[in-house]
Amino acid sequence: MSAEKLRGKYLLIMTDGYSLDYYSFHDSLEDAQTKMKKDYEKSPPPSWKEDFKEMSHCSDTDAILFDNGDYVLVWNIISLTENYIPKGEAE
């Protein structure tokens, strides 16, 4: 996908702290938020300890999930605007 076609889209990134495990492009912020929330809601361990559950959260553009001290998942939504795509890349 060319840089110009990415302008105005939203990128959803997910990492476990070691690598970028998942990303997707969305046409609207709402679509990216829906995907992030679904991924967050299906990620907790079966017996999620209350203290790790309390530290975890899902907001409008980011989420963090602590899995009982075993690992941490982090999501972030980035708006692909002029700030993120250099002018030379779009031409």
PDB file of N, CA and C in Angstrom:
ATOM      1  N   MET A   1       0.855  -1.173   0.000  1.00  0.00           N
ATOM      2  CA  MET A   1       0.000   0.000   0.000  1.00  0.00           C
ATOM      3  C   MET A   1       0.899   1.233   0.000  1.00  0.00           C
ATOM      4  N   SER A   2       0.668   2.156  -0.906  1.00  0.00           N
ATOM      5  CA  SER A   2       1.505   3.350  -0.991  1.00  0.00           C
ATOM      6  C   SER A   2       1.226   4.275   0.192  1.00  0.00           C
ATOM      7  N   ALA A   3       2.191   5.127   0.461  1.00  0.00           N
ATOM      8  CA  ALA A   3       2.055   6.058   1.584  1.00  0.00           C
ATOM      9  C   ALA A   3       0.839   6.960   1.405  1.00  0.00           C
ATOM     10  N   GLU A   4       0.567   7.388   0.189  1.00  0.00           N
ATOM     11  CA  GLU A   4      -0.583   8.270  -0.046  1.00  0.00           C
ATOM     12  C   GLU A   4      -1.884   7.551   0.282  1.00  0.00           C
ATOM     13  N   LYS A   5      -2.000   6.267  -0.039  1.00  0.00           N
ATOM     14  CA  LYS A   5      -3.219   5.521   0.249  1.00  0.00           C
ATOM     15  C   LYS A   5      -3.396   5.278   1.745  1.00  0.00           C
ATOM     16  N   LEU A   6      -2.305   5.340   2.509  1.00  0.00           N
ATOM     17  CA  LEU A   6      -2.383   5.150   3.961  1.00  0.00           C
ATOM     18  C   LEU A   6      -2.847   6.398   4.691  1.00  0.00           C
ATOM     19  N   ARG A   7      -2.684   7.555   4.066  1.00  0.00           N
ATOM     20  CA  ARG A   7      -3.048   8.820   4.705  1.00  0.00           C
ATOM     21  C   ARG A   7      -4.522   8.808   5.097  1.00  0.00           C
ATOM     22  N   GLY A   8      -4.796   9.123   6.366  1.00  0.00           N
ATOM     23  CA  GLY A   8      -6.174   9.156   6.853  1.00  0.00           C
ATOM     24  C   GLY A   8      -6.648   7.824   7.410  1.00  0.00           C
ATOM     25  N   LYS A   9      -5.814   6.805   7.359  1.00  0.00           N
ATOM     26  CA  LYS A   9      -6.179   5.499   7.911  1.00  0.00           C
ATOM     27  C   LYS A   9      -5.668   5.398   9.352  1.00  0.00           C
ATOM     28  N   TYR A  10      -6.044   4.314  10.007  1.00  0.00           N
ATOM     29  CA  TYR A  10      -5.640   4.072  11.379  1.00  0.00           C
ATOM     30  C   TYR A  10      -4.930   2.731  11.449  1.00  0.00           C
ATOM     31  N   LEU A  11      -3.805   2.717  12.135  1.00  0.00           N
ATOM     32  CA  LEU A  11      -3.002   1.515  12.285  1.00  0.00           C
ATOM     33  C   LEU A  11      -3.150   1.002  13.710  1.00  0.00           C
ATOM     34  N   LEU A  12      -3.545  -0.251  13.852  1.00  0.00           N
ATOM     35  CA  LEU A  12      -3.641  -0.896  15.163  1.00  0.00           C
ATOM     36  C   LEU A  12      -2.421  -1.791  15.328  1.00  0.00           C
ATOM     37  N   ILE A  13      -1.650  -1.519  16.367  1.00  0.00           N
ATOM     38  CA  ILE A  13      -0.442  -2.280  16.655  1.00  0.00           C
ATOM     39  C   ILE A  13      -0.641  -3.032  17.959  1.00  0.00           C
ATOM     40  N   MET A  14      -0.150  -4.278  18.020  1.00  0.00           N
ATOM     41  CA  MET A  14      -0.180  -5.049  19.250  1.00  0.00           C
ATOM     42  C   MET A  14       1.203  -5.655  19.458  1.00  0.00           C
ATOM     43  N   THR A  15       1.686  -5.599  20.700  1.00  0.00           N
ATOM     44  CA  THR A  15       2.981  -6.174  21.021  1.00  0.00           C
ATOM     45  C   THR A  15       2.913  -6.899  22.354  1.00  0.00           C
ATOM     46  N   ASP A  16       3.784  -7.891  22.493  1.00  0.00           N
ATOM     47  CA  ASP A  16       3.931  -8.581  23.767  1.00  0.00           C
ATOM     48  C   ASP A  16       5.185  -8.082  24.489  1.00  0.00           C
ATOM     49  N   GLY A  17       5.786  -7.015  23.978  1.00  0.00           N
ATOM     50  CA  GLY A  17       6.982  -6.437  24.571  1.00  0.00           C
ATOM     51  C   GLY A  17       8.270  -6.943  23.944  1.00  0.00           C
ATOM     52  N   TYR A  18       8.164  -7.997  23.153  1.00  0.00           N
ATOM     53  CA  TYR A  18       9.344  -8.551  22.506  1.00  0.00           C
ATOM     54  C   TYR A  18       9.326  -8.292  21.003  1.00  0.00           C
ATOM     55  N   SER A  19       8.142  -8.278  20.429  1.00  0.00           N
ATOM     56  CA  SER A  19       8.020  -8.046  18.995  1.00  0.00           C
ATOM     57  C   SER A  19       6.629  -7.503  18.688  1.00  0.00           C
ATOM     58  N   LEU A  20       6.491  -6.956  17.490  1.00  0.00           N
ATOM     59  CA  LEU A  20       5.172  -6.538  17.028  1.00  0.00           C
ATOM     60  C   LEU A  20       4.499  -7.787  16.485  1.00  0.00           C
ATOM     61  N   ASP A  21       3.540  -8.284  17.222  1.00  0.00           N
ATOM     62  CA  ASP A  21       2.900  -9.538  16.844  1.00  0.00           C
ATOM     63  C   ASP A  21       1.748  -9.348  15.875  1.00  0.00           C
ATOM     64  N   TYR A  22       1.113  -8.195  15.898  1.00  0.00           N
ATOM     65  CA  TYR A  22      -0.090  -8.044  15.096  1.00  0.00           C
ATOM     66  C   TYR A  22      -0.287  -6.580  14.735  1.00  0.00           C
ATOM     67  N   TYR A  23      -0.720  -6.315  13.544  1.00  0.00           N
ATOM     68  CA  TYR A  23      -1.118  -4.969  13.170  1.00  0.00           C
ATOM     69  C   TYR A  23      -2.173  -5.064  12.086  1.00  0.00           C
ATOM     70  N   SER A  24      -2.982  -4.025  11.996  1.00  0.00           N
ATOM     71  CA  SER A  24      -3.999  -3.972  10.949  1.00  0.00           C
ATOM     72  C   SER A  24      -4.307  -2.510  10.629  1.00  0.00           C
ATOM     73  N   PHE A  25      -4.731  -2.268   9.392  1.00  0.00           N
ATOM     74  CA  PHE A  25      -5.118  -0.937   8.950  1.00  0.00           C
ATOM     75  C   PHE A  25      -6.634  -0.841   8.943  1.00  0.00           C
ATOM     76  N   HIS A  26      -7.160   0.328   9.331  1.00  0.00           N
ATOM     77  CA  HIS A  26      -8.611   0.545   9.390  1.00  0.00           C
ATOM     78  C   HIS A  26      -8.943   1.895   8.774  1.00  0.00           C
ATOM     79  N   ASP A  27     -10.121   1.968   8.154  1.00  0.00           N
ATOM     80  CA  ASP A  27     -10.552   3.214   7.514  1.00  0.00           C
ATOM     81  C   ASP A  27     -11.060   4.243   8.513  1.00  0.00           C
ATOM     82  N   SER A  28     -11.473   3.795   9.693  1.00  0.00           N
ATOM     83  CA  SER A  28     -11.985   4.741  10.688  1.00  0.00           C
ATOM     84  C   SER A  28     -11.447   4.394  12.064  1.00  0.00           C
ATOM     85  N   LEU A  29     -11.435   5.390  12.925  1.00  0.00           N
ATOM     86  CA  LEU A  29     -11.016   5.188  14.310  1.00  0.00           C
ATOM     87  C   LEU A  29     -11.944   4.190  14.994  1.00  0.00           C
ATOM     88  N   GLU A  30     -13.227   4.268  14.702  1.00  0.00           N
ATOM     89  CA  GLU A  30     -14.205   3.372  15.318  1.00  0.00           C
ATOM     90  C   GLU A  30     -13.924   1.911  14.962  1.00  0.00           C
ATOM     91  N   ASP A  31     -13.565   1.638  13.710  1.00  0.00           N
ATOM     92  CA  ASP A  31     -13.234   0.266  13.299  1.00  0.00           C
ATOM     93  C   ASP A  31     -12.007  -0.247  14.061  1.00  0.00           C
ATOM     94  N   ALA A  32     -10.989   0.597  14.185  1.00  0.00           N
ATOM     95  CA  ALA A  32      -9.774   0.212  14.904  1.00  0.00           C
ATOM     96  C   ALA A  32     -10.086  -0.021  16.380  1.00  0.00           C
ATOM     97  N   GLN A  33     -10.928   0.837  16.977  1.00  0.00           N
ATOM     98  CA  GLN A  33     -11.304   0.674  18.378  1.00  0.00           C
ATOM     99  C   GLN A  33     -12.069  -0.626  18.604  1.00  0.00           C
ATOM    100  N   THR A  34     -12.973  -0.957  17.694  1.00  0.00           N
ATOM    101  CA  THR A  34     -13.754  -2.195  17.807  1.00  0.00           C
ATOM    102  C   THR A  34     -12.843  -3.403  17.769  1.00  0.00           C
ATOM    103  N   LYS A  35     -11.879  -3.425  16.832  1.00  0.00           N
ATOM    104  CA  LYS A  35     -10.938  -4.536  16.714  1.00  0.00           C
ATOM    105  C   LYS A  35     -10.080  -4.640  17.964  1.00  0.00           C
ATOM    106  N   MET A  36      -9.570  -3.505  18.456  1.00  0.00           N
ATOM    107  CA  MET A  36      -8.728  -3.515  19.649  1.00  0.00           C
ATOM    108  C   MET A  36      -9.507  -4.047  20.854  1.00  0.00           C
ATOM    109  N   LYS A  37     -10.744  -3.585  21.017  1.00  0.00           N
ATOM    110  CA  LYS A  37     -11.558  -4.020  22.162  1.00  0.00           C
ATOM    111  C   LYS A  37     -11.846  -5.520  22.086  1.00  0.00           C
ATOM    112  N   LYS A  38     -12.162  -6.031  20.893  1.00  0.00           N
ATOM    113  CA  LYS A  38     -12.416  -7.470  20.733  1.00  0.00           C
ATOM    114  C   LYS A  38     -11.171  -8.281  21.069  1.00  0.00           C
ATOM    115  N   ASP A  39     -10.013  -7.847  20.574  1.00  0.00           N
ATOM    116  CA  ASP A  39      -8.759  -8.548  20.858  1.00  0.00           C
ATOM    117  C   ASP A  39      -8.456  -8.524  22.361  1.00  0.00           C
ATOM    118  N   TYR A  40      -8.662  -7.380  22.993  1.00  0.00           N
ATOM    119  CA  TYR A  40      -8.424  -7.236  24.434  1.00  0.00           C
ATOM    120  C   TYR A  40      -9.350  -8.171  25.218  1.00  0.00           C
ATOM    121  N   GLU A  41     -10.621  -8.197  24.862  1.00  0.00           N
ATOM    122  CA  GLU A  41     -11.596  -8.990  25.607  1.00  0.00           C
ATOM    123  C   GLU A  41     -11.379 -10.495  25.462  1.00  0.00           C
ATOM    124  N   LYS A  42     -10.753 -10.940  24.378  1.00  0.00           N
ATOM    125  CA  LYS A  42     -10.524 -12.380  24.215  1.00  0.00           C
ATOM    126  C   LYS A  42      -9.146 -12.810  24.726  1.00  0.00           C
ATOM    127  N   SER A  43      -8.353 -11.882  25.250  1.00  0.00           N
ATOM    128  CA  SER A  43      -6.975 -12.186  25.646  1.00  0.00           C
ATOM    129  C   SER A  43      -6.738 -12.554  27.107  1.00  0.00           C
ATOM    130  N   PRO A  44      -7.615 -12.216  28.060  1.00  0.00           N
ATOM    131  CA  PRO A  44      -7.311 -12.555  29.458  1.00  0.00           C
ATOM    132  C   PRO A  44      -7.200 -14.071  29.669  1.00  0.00           C
ATOM    133  N   PRO A  45      -6.362 -14.466  30.631  1.00  0.00           N
ATOM    134  CA  PRO A  45      -6.242 -15.885  30.943  1.00  0.00           C
ATOM    135  C   PRO A  45      -7.518 -16.395  31.608  1.00  0.00           C
ATOM    136  N   PRO A  46      -7.739 -17.700  31.585  1.00  0.00           N
ATOM    137  CA  PRO A  46      -8.962 -18.270  32.174  1.00  0.00           C
ATOM    138  C   PRO A  46      -9.142 -17.918  33.650  1.00  0.00           C
ATOM    139  N   SER A  47      -8.071 -17.959  34.439  1.00  0.00           N
ATOM    140  CA  SER A  47      -8.192 -17.568  35.849  1.00  0.00           C
ATOM    141  C   SER A  47      -7.336 -16.329  36.094  1.00  0.00           C
ATOM    142  N   TRP A  48      -7.905 -15.202  35.687  1.00  0.00           N
ATOM    143  CA  TRP A  48      -7.237 -13.912  35.760  1.00  0.00           C
ATOM    144  C   TRP A  48      -7.253 -13.431  37.201  1.00  0.00           C
ATOM    145  N   LYS A  49      -6.084 -13.225  37.776  1.00  0.00           N
ATOM    146  CA  LYS A  49      -5.977 -12.765  39.159  1.00  0.00           C
ATOM    147  C   LYS A  49      -6.429 -11.310  39.249  1.00  0.00           C
ATOM    148  N   GLU A  50      -7.148 -11.003  40.334  1.00  0.00           N
ATOM    149  CA  GLU A  50      -7.786  -9.694  40.492  1.00  0.00           C
ATOM    150  C   GLU A  50      -6.790  -8.533  40.431  1.00  0.00           C
ATOM    151  N   ASP A  51      -5.611  -8.664  41.052  1.00  0.00           N
ATOM    152  CA  ASP A  51      -4.665  -7.545  41.036  1.00  0.00           C
ATOM    153  C   ASP A  51      -4.146  -7.243  39.630  1.00  0.00           C
ATOM    154  N   PHE A  52      -3.957  -8.273  38.796  1.00  0.00           N
ATOM    155  CA  PHE A  52      -3.528  -8.042  37.412  1.00  0.00           C
ATOM    156  C   PHE A  52      -4.685  -7.502  36.564  1.00  0.00           C
ATOM    157  N   LYS A  53      -5.881  -7.947  36.878  1.00  0.00           N
ATOM    158  CA  LYS A  53      -7.067  -7.443  36.180  1.00  0.00           C
ATOM    159  C   LYS A  53      -7.249  -5.946  36.441  1.00  0.00           C
ATOM    160  N   GLU A  54      -7.021  -5.533  37.679  1.00  0.00           N
ATOM    161  CA  GLU A  54      -7.172  -4.116  38.043  1.00  0.00           C
ATOM    162  C   GLU A  54      -6.130  -3.232  37.365  1.00  0.00           C
ATOM    163  N   MET A  55      -4.928  -3.758  37.116  1.00  0.00           N
ATOM    164  CA  MET A  55      -3.872  -2.975  36.459  1.00  0.00           C
ATOM    165  C   MET A  55      -4.108  -2.859  34.955  1.00  0.00           C
ATOM    166  N   SER A  56      -4.899  -3.747  34.402  1.00  0.00           N
ATOM    167  CA  SER A  56      -5.158  -3.770  32.965  1.00  0.00           C
ATOM    168  C   SER A  56      -6.265  -2.781  32.611  1.00  0.00           C
ATOM    169  N   HIS A  57      -6.248  -2.290  31.376  1.00  0.00           N
ATOM    170  CA  HIS A  57      -7.312  -1.376  30.944  1.00  0.00           C
ATOM    171  C   HIS A  57      -7.395  -1.324  29.416  1.00  0.00           C
ATOM    172  N   CYS A  58      -8.520  -0.874  28.933  1.00  0.00           N
ATOM    173  CA  CYS A  58      -8.731  -0.642  27.510  1.00  0.00           C
ATOM    174  C   CYS A  58      -9.401   0.716  27.369  1.00  0.00           C
ATOM    175  N   SER A  59      -8.720   1.661  26.712  1.00  0.00           N
ATOM    176  CA  SER A  59      -9.280   3.001  26.529  1.00  0.00           C
ATOM    177  C   SER A  59      -9.551   3.250  25.047  1.00  0.00           C
ATOM    178  N   ASP A  60      -9.698   4.497  24.647  1.00  0.00           N
ATOM    179  CA  ASP A  60     -10.051   4.825  23.270  1.00  0.00           C
ATOM    180  C   ASP A  60      -8.968   4.485  22.249  1.00  0.00           C
ATOM    181  N   THR A  61      -7.697   4.698  22.605  1.00  0.00           N
ATOM    182  CA  THR A  61      -6.635   4.480  21.616  1.00  0.00           C
ATOM    183  C   THR A  61      -5.517   3.571  22.099  1.00  0.00           C
ATOM    184  N   ASP A  62      -5.644   3.029  23.304  1.00  0.00           N
ATOM    185  CA  ASP A  62      -4.637   2.085  23.766  1.00  0.00           C
ATOM    186  C   ASP A  62      -5.219   1.136  24.795  1.00  0.00           C
ATOM    187  N   ALA A  63      -4.522   0.026  24.970  1.00  0.00           N
ATOM    188  CA  ALA A  63      -4.934  -0.970  25.955  1.00  0.00           C
ATOM    189  C   ALA A  63      -3.692  -1.690  26.443  1.00  0.00           C
ATOM    190  N   ILE A  64      -3.765  -2.161  27.682  1.00  0.00           N
ATOM    191  CA  ILE A  64      -2.687  -2.959  28.251  1.00  0.00           C
ATOM    192  C   ILE A  64      -3.315  -4.061  29.085  1.00  0.00           C
ATOM    193  N   LEU A  65      -2.803  -5.266  28.913  1.00  0.00           N
ATOM    194  CA  LEU A  65      -3.347  -6.410  29.632  1.00  0.00           C
ATOM    195  C   LEU A  65      -2.204  -7.175  30.294  1.00  0.00           C
ATOM    196  N   PHE A  66      -2.283  -7.274  31.623  1.00  0.00           N
ATOM    197  CA  PHE A  66      -1.297  -8.022  32.395  1.00  0.00           C
ATOM    198  C   PHE A  66      -1.848  -9.422  32.637  1.00  0.00           C
ATOM    199  N   ASP A  67      -1.131 -10.427  32.152  1.00  0.00           N
ATOM    200  CA  ASP A  67      -1.587 -11.810  32.258  1.00  0.00           C
ATOM    201  C   ASP A  67      -0.929 -12.508  33.449  1.00  0.00           C
ATOM    202  N   ASN A  68      -1.429 -12.198  34.633  1.00  0.00           N
ATOM    203  CA  ASN A  68      -0.982 -12.857  35.870  1.00  0.00           C
ATOM    204  C   ASN A  68       0.537 -12.886  36.019  1.00  0.00           C
ATOM    205  N   GLY A  69       1.226 -11.878  35.503  1.00  0.00           N
ATOM    206  CA  GLY A  69       2.669 -11.794  35.635  1.00  0.00           C
ATOM    207  C   GLY A  69       3.439 -12.599  34.603  1.00  0.00           C
ATOM    208  N   ASP A  70       2.741 -13.338  33.745  1.00  0.00           N
ATOM    209  CA  ASP A  70       3.421 -14.142  32.734  1.00  0.00           C
ATOM    210  C   ASP A  70       3.861 -13.302  31.540  1.00  0.00           C
ATOM    211  N   TYR A  71       3.014 -12.403  31.091  1.00  0.00           N
ATOM    212  CA  TYR A  71       3.345 -11.522  29.981  1.00  0.00           C
ATOM    213  C   TYR A  71       2.419 -10.317  29.995  1.00  0.00           C
ATOM    214  N   VAL A  72       2.766  -9.336  29.170  1.00  0.00           N
ATOM    215  CA  VAL A  72       1.967  -8.109  29.046  1.00  0.00           C
ATOM    216  C   VAL A  72       1.667  -7.899  27.571  1.00  0.00           C
ATOM    217  N   LEU A  73       0.416  -7.642  27.257  1.00  0.00           N
ATOM    218  CA  LEU A  73       0.024  -7.309  25.886  1.00  0.00           C
ATOM    219  C   LEU A  73      -0.325  -5.826  25.847  1.00  0.00           C
ATOM    220  N   VAL A  74       0.133  -5.145  24.798  1.00  0.00           N
ATOM    221  CA  VAL A  74      -0.120  -3.713  24.642  1.00  0.00           C
ATOM    222  C   VAL A  74      -0.644  -3.455  23.241  1.00  0.00           C
ATOM    223  N   TRP A  75      -1.720  -2.685  23.140  1.00  0.00           N
ATOM    224  CA  TRP A  75      -2.288  -2.268  21.866  1.00  0.00           C
ATOM    225  C   TRP A  75      -2.214  -0.754  21.782  1.00  0.00           C
ATOM    226  N   ASN A  76      -2.059  -0.250  20.554  1.00  0.00           N
ATOM    227  CA  ASN A  76      -2.060   1.193  20.341  1.00  0.00           C
ATOM    228  C   ASN A  76      -2.596   1.487  18.955  1.00  0.00           C
ATOM    229  N   ILE A  77      -3.451   2.502  18.869  1.00  0.00           N
ATOM    230  CA  ILE A  77      -4.006   2.943  17.588  1.00  0.00           C
ATOM    231  C   ILE A  77      -3.292   4.229  17.187  1.00  0.00           C
ATOM    232  N   ILE A  78      -2.764   4.239  15.977  1.00  0.00           N
ATOM    233  CA  ILE A  78      -2.053   5.408  15.463  1.00  0.00           C
ATOM    234  C   ILE A  78      -2.811   5.937  14.252  1.00  0.00           C
ATOM    235  N   SER A  79      -3.061   7.237  14.257  1.00  0.00           N
ATOM    236  CA  SER A  79      -3.680   7.900  13.108  1.00  0.00           C
ATOM    237  C   SER A  79      -2.584   8.230  12.109  1.00  0.00           C
ATOM    238  N   LEU A  80      -2.724   7.740  10.886  1.00  0.00           N
ATOM    239  CA  LEU A  80      -1.708   7.988   9.855  1.00  0.00           C
ATOM    240  C   LEU A  80      -1.997   9.322   9.182  1.00  0.00           C
ATOM    241  N   THR A  81      -1.375  10.341   9.722  1.00  0.00           N
ATOM    242  CA  THR A  81      -1.565  11.710   9.241  1.00  0.00           C
ATOM    243  C   THR A  81      -0.247  12.221   8.684  1.00  0.00           C
ATOM    244  N   GLU A  82      -0.213  13.473   8.371  1.00  0.00           N
ATOM    245  CA  GLU A  82       1.005  14.115   7.868  1.00  0.00           C
ATOM    246  C   GLU A  82       2.172  13.906   8.839  1.00  0.00           C
ATOM    247  N   ASN A  83       1.895  13.803  10.125  1.00  0.00           N
ATOM    248  CA  ASN A  83       2.958  13.651  11.123  1.00  0.00           C
ATOM    249  C   ASN A  83       3.667  12.306  11.021  1.00  0.00           C
ATOM    250  N   TYR A  84       2.993  11.292  10.512  1.00  0.00           N
ATOM    251  CA  TYR A  84       3.556   9.967  10.475  1.00  0.00           C
ATOM    252  C   TYR A  84       4.038   9.531   9.085  1.00  0.00           C
ATOM    253  N   ILE A  85       3.638  10.219   8.053  1.00  0.00           N
ATOM    254  CA  ILE A  85       4.050   9.856   6.699  1.00  0.00           C
ATOM    255  C   ILE A  85       4.845  11.001   6.096  1.00  0.00           C
ATOM    256  N   PRO A  86       6.150  10.821   5.920  1.00  0.00           N
ATOM    257  CA  PRO A  86       6.973  11.885   5.338  1.00  0.00           C
ATOM    258  C   PRO A  86       6.487  12.262   3.937  1.00  0.00           C
ATOM    259  N   LYS A  87       6.525  13.543   3.609  1.00  0.00           N
ATOM    260  CA  LYS A  87       6.040  14.025   2.317  1.00  0.00           C
ATOM    261  C   LYS A  87       6.679  13.287   1.149  1.00  0.00           C
ATOM    262  N   GLY A  88       7.970  13.038   1.197  1.00  0.00           N
ATOM    263  CA  GLY A  88       8.670  12.352   0.118  1.00  0.00           C
ATOM    264  C   GLY A  88       8.145  10.942  -0.113  1.00  0.00           C
ATOM    265  N   GLU A  89       7.635  10.307   0.931  1.00  0.00           N
ATOM    266  CA  GLU A  89       7.121   8.948   0.834  1.00  0.00           C
ATOM    267  C   GLU A  89       5.780   8.901   0.095  1.00  0.00           C
ATOM    268  N   ALA A  90       5.020   9.985   0.158  1.00  0.00           N
ATOM    269  CA  ALA A  90       3.686   9.995  -0.422  1.00  0.00           C
ATOM    270  C   ALA A  90       3.696  10.336  -1.913  1.00  0.00           C
ATOM    271  N   GLU A  91       4.800  10.790  -2.425  1.00  0.00           N
ATOM    272  CA  GLU A  91       4.826  11.231  -3.820  1.00  0.00           C
ATOM    273  C   GLU A  91       5.283  10.146  -4.752  1.00  0.00           C
TER     274      GLU A  91
END
